[in-house]
Amino acid sequence: MLGARPLKRAIQREIEDALSEKILFGELKAGDLVVVDAEGEGILGEFTFRGELKVPAEPVMEEAAAGTDVPRAGAFDGPTAPRLNAGA
């Protein structure tokens, strides 16, 4: 069983270093959404990285961020449960 340090080194070697190289060589740009995938299995497996443009947020979220009076996504609009009187 491996501990946290060997796992951290593996992540640095296999993901962080590869991402750094892709950024340095211009394959990934500022603001890109990075999609990480894996091909193969075991010792022959490797990670693949692909940069995609960020998809703009939904209009409701943009309006909420702009300070308009729009309920946030997932807000509950239904009736509330009646309060119980603790003294009764």
C-alpha atoms as a PDB file:
ATOM      1  CA  MET A   1       0.000   0.000   0.000  1.00  0.00           C
ATOM      2  CA  LEU A   2       1.338   3.446  -0.895  1.00  0.00           C
ATOM      3  CA  GLY A   3       1.232   6.430   1.396  1.00  0.00           C
ATOM      4  CA  ALA A   4       0.426  10.080   0.742  1.00  0.00           C
ATOM      5  CA  ARG A   5       3.967  11.131  -0.262  1.00  0.00           C
ATOM      6  CA  PRO A   6       4.398   8.599  -3.078  1.00  0.00           C
ATOM      7  CA  LEU A   7       0.906   9.478  -4.305  1.00  0.00           C
ATOM      8  CA  LYS A   8       1.765  13.187  -4.244  1.00  0.00           C
ATOM      9  CA  ARG A   9       4.962  12.566  -6.230  1.00  0.00           C
ATOM     10  CA  ALA A  10       3.059  10.488  -8.789  1.00  0.00           C
ATOM     11  CA  ILE A  11       0.474  13.262  -9.237  1.00  0.00           C
ATOM     12  CA  GLN A  12       3.237  15.839  -9.640  1.00  0.00           C
ATOM     13  CA  ARG A  13       5.108  13.707 -12.164  1.00  0.00           C
ATOM     14  CA  GLU A  14       2.145  12.521 -14.206  1.00  0.00           C
ATOM     15  CA  ILE A  15      -0.210  15.512 -14.071  1.00  0.00           C
ATOM     16  CA  GLU A  16       1.407  18.727 -12.821  1.00  0.00           C
ATOM     17  CA  ASP A  17       4.613  18.377 -14.855  1.00  0.00           C
ATOM     18  CA  ALA A  18       2.738  17.444 -18.032  1.00  0.00           C
ATOM     19  CA  LEU A  19       0.311  20.359 -17.588  1.00  0.00           C
ATOM     20  CA  SER A  20       3.203  22.770 -16.992  1.00  0.00           C
ATOM     21  CA  GLU A  21       4.853  21.691 -20.235  1.00  0.00           C
ATOM     22  CA  LYS A  22       1.602  22.091 -22.185  1.00  0.00           C
ATOM     23  CA  ILE A  23       1.214  25.630 -20.813  1.00  0.00           C
ATOM     24  CA  LEU A  24       4.850  26.545 -21.541  1.00  0.00           C
ATOM     25  CA  PHE A  25       4.638  25.304 -25.131  1.00  0.00           C
ATOM     26  CA  GLY A  26       1.347  27.152 -25.758  1.00  0.00           C
ATOM     27  CA  GLU A  27      -0.834  24.061 -26.102  1.00  0.00           C
ATOM     28  CA  LEU A  28      -3.022  25.326 -23.224  1.00  0.00           C
ATOM     29  CA  LYS A  29      -3.926  28.989 -22.856  1.00  0.00           C
ATOM     30  CA  ALA A  30      -5.073  31.191 -19.994  1.00  0.00           C
ATOM     31  CA  GLY A  31      -8.803  30.759 -19.427  1.00  0.00           C
ATOM     32  CA  ASP A  32      -8.957  27.316 -21.049  1.00  0.00           C
ATOM     33  CA  LEU A  33     -10.881  24.560 -19.347  1.00  0.00           C
ATOM     34  CA  VAL A  34      -8.490  21.591 -19.153  1.00  0.00           C
ATOM     35  CA  VAL A  35      -9.990  18.175 -19.798  1.00  0.00           C
ATOM     36  CA  VAL A  36      -7.874  15.355 -18.370  1.00  0.00           C
ATOM     37  CA  ASP A  37      -8.449  11.835 -19.623  1.00  0.00           C
ATOM     38  CA  ALA A  38      -6.612   8.531 -19.383  1.00  0.00           C
ATOM     39  CA  GLU A  39      -5.724   6.130 -22.156  1.00  0.00           C
ATOM     40  CA  GLY A  40      -4.546   2.587 -21.574  1.00  0.00           C
ATOM     41  CA  GLU A  41      -4.236   0.750 -18.305  1.00  0.00           C
ATOM     42  CA  GLY A  42      -1.596  -0.042 -15.739  1.00  0.00           C
ATOM     43  CA  ILE A  43       2.014   0.806 -16.480  1.00  0.00           C
ATOM     44  CA  LEU A  44       1.206   1.487 -20.151  1.00  0.00           C
ATOM     45  CA  GLY A  45      -1.539   3.983 -19.309  1.00  0.00           C
ATOM     46  CA  GLU A  46      -1.028   7.696 -19.719  1.00  0.00           C
ATOM     47  CA  PHE A  47      -2.937  10.910 -19.140  1.00  0.00           C
ATOM     48  CA  THR A  48      -4.086  13.092 -22.005  1.00  0.00           C
ATOM     49  CA  PHE A  49      -4.824  16.800 -21.702  1.00  0.00           C
ATOM     50  CA  ARG A  50      -7.040  18.921 -23.909  1.00  0.00           C
ATOM     51  CA  GLY A  51      -7.818  22.613 -23.589  1.00  0.00           C
ATOM     52  CA  GLU A  52     -11.335  23.811 -24.340  1.00  0.00           C
ATOM     53  CA  LEU A  53     -12.866  27.254 -24.229  1.00  0.00           C
ATOM     54  CA  LYS A  54     -14.887  27.904 -21.102  1.00  0.00           C
ATOM     55  CA  VAL A  55     -18.620  27.734 -21.700  1.00  0.00           C
ATOM     56  CA  PRO A  56     -20.314  30.902 -20.430  1.00  0.00           C
ATOM     57  CA  ALA A  57     -22.418  30.495 -17.325  1.00  0.00           C
ATOM     58  CA  GLU A  58     -26.177  30.183 -17.657  1.00  0.00           C
ATOM     59  CA  PRO A  59     -27.928  33.555 -18.065  1.00  0.00           C
ATOM     60  CA  VAL A  60     -29.629  33.193 -14.666  1.00  0.00           C
ATOM     61  CA  MET A  61     -26.263  32.869 -12.976  1.00  0.00           C
ATOM     62  CA  GLU A  62     -24.828  35.852 -14.897  1.00  0.00           C
ATOM     63  CA  GLU A  63     -27.795  38.025 -13.923  1.00  0.00           C
ATOM     64  CA  ALA A  64     -27.447  36.958 -10.301  1.00  0.00           C
ATOM     65  CA  ALA A  65     -23.743  37.801 -10.401  1.00  0.00           C
ATOM     66  CA  ALA A  66     -24.598  41.205 -11.888  1.00  0.00           C
ATOM     67  CA  GLY A  67     -26.687  41.969  -8.802  1.00  0.00           C
ATOM     68  CA  THR A  68     -30.149  41.761 -10.359  1.00  0.00           C
ATOM     69  CA  ASP A  69     -33.004  40.355  -8.335  1.00  0.00           C
ATOM     70  CA  VAL A  70     -32.940  36.826  -9.777  1.00  0.00           C
ATOM     71  CA  PRO A  71     -33.237  33.799  -7.491  1.00  0.00           C
ATOM     72  CA  ARG A  72     -30.160  31.616  -7.463  1.00  0.00           C
ATOM     73  CA  ALA A  73     -30.219  28.279  -9.240  1.00  0.00           C
ATOM     74  CA  GLY A  74     -31.846  25.588  -7.120  1.00  0.00           C
ATOM     75  CA  ALA A  75     -33.660  28.056  -4.864  1.00  0.00           C
ATOM     76  CA  PHE A  76     -36.806  26.569  -3.310  1.00  0.00           C
ATOM     77  CA  ASP A  77     -39.966  28.352  -4.461  1.00  0.00           C
ATOM     78  CA  GLY A  78     -42.548  26.056  -2.881  1.00  0.00           C
ATOM     79  CA  PRO A  79     -44.584  26.592   0.271  1.00  0.00           C
ATOM     80  CA  THR A  80     -42.827  26.467   3.594  1.00  0.00           C
ATOM     81  CA  ALA A  81     -43.706  24.014   6.330  1.00  0.00           C
ATOM     82  CA  PRO A  82     -45.862  25.439   9.146  1.00  0.00           C
ATOM     83  CA  ARG A  83     -43.990  26.352  12.311  1.00  0.00           C
ATOM     84  CA  LEU A  84     -44.725  24.281  15.373  1.00  0.00           C
ATOM     85  CA  ASN A  85     -45.501  26.131  18.560  1.00  0.00           C
ATOM     86  CA  ALA A  86     -43.090  24.797  21.174  1.00  0.00           C
ATOM     87  CA  GLY A  87     -45.293  26.083  24.047  1.00  0.00           C
ATOM     88  CA  ALA A  88     -48.497  24.342  22.980  1.00  0.00           C
END
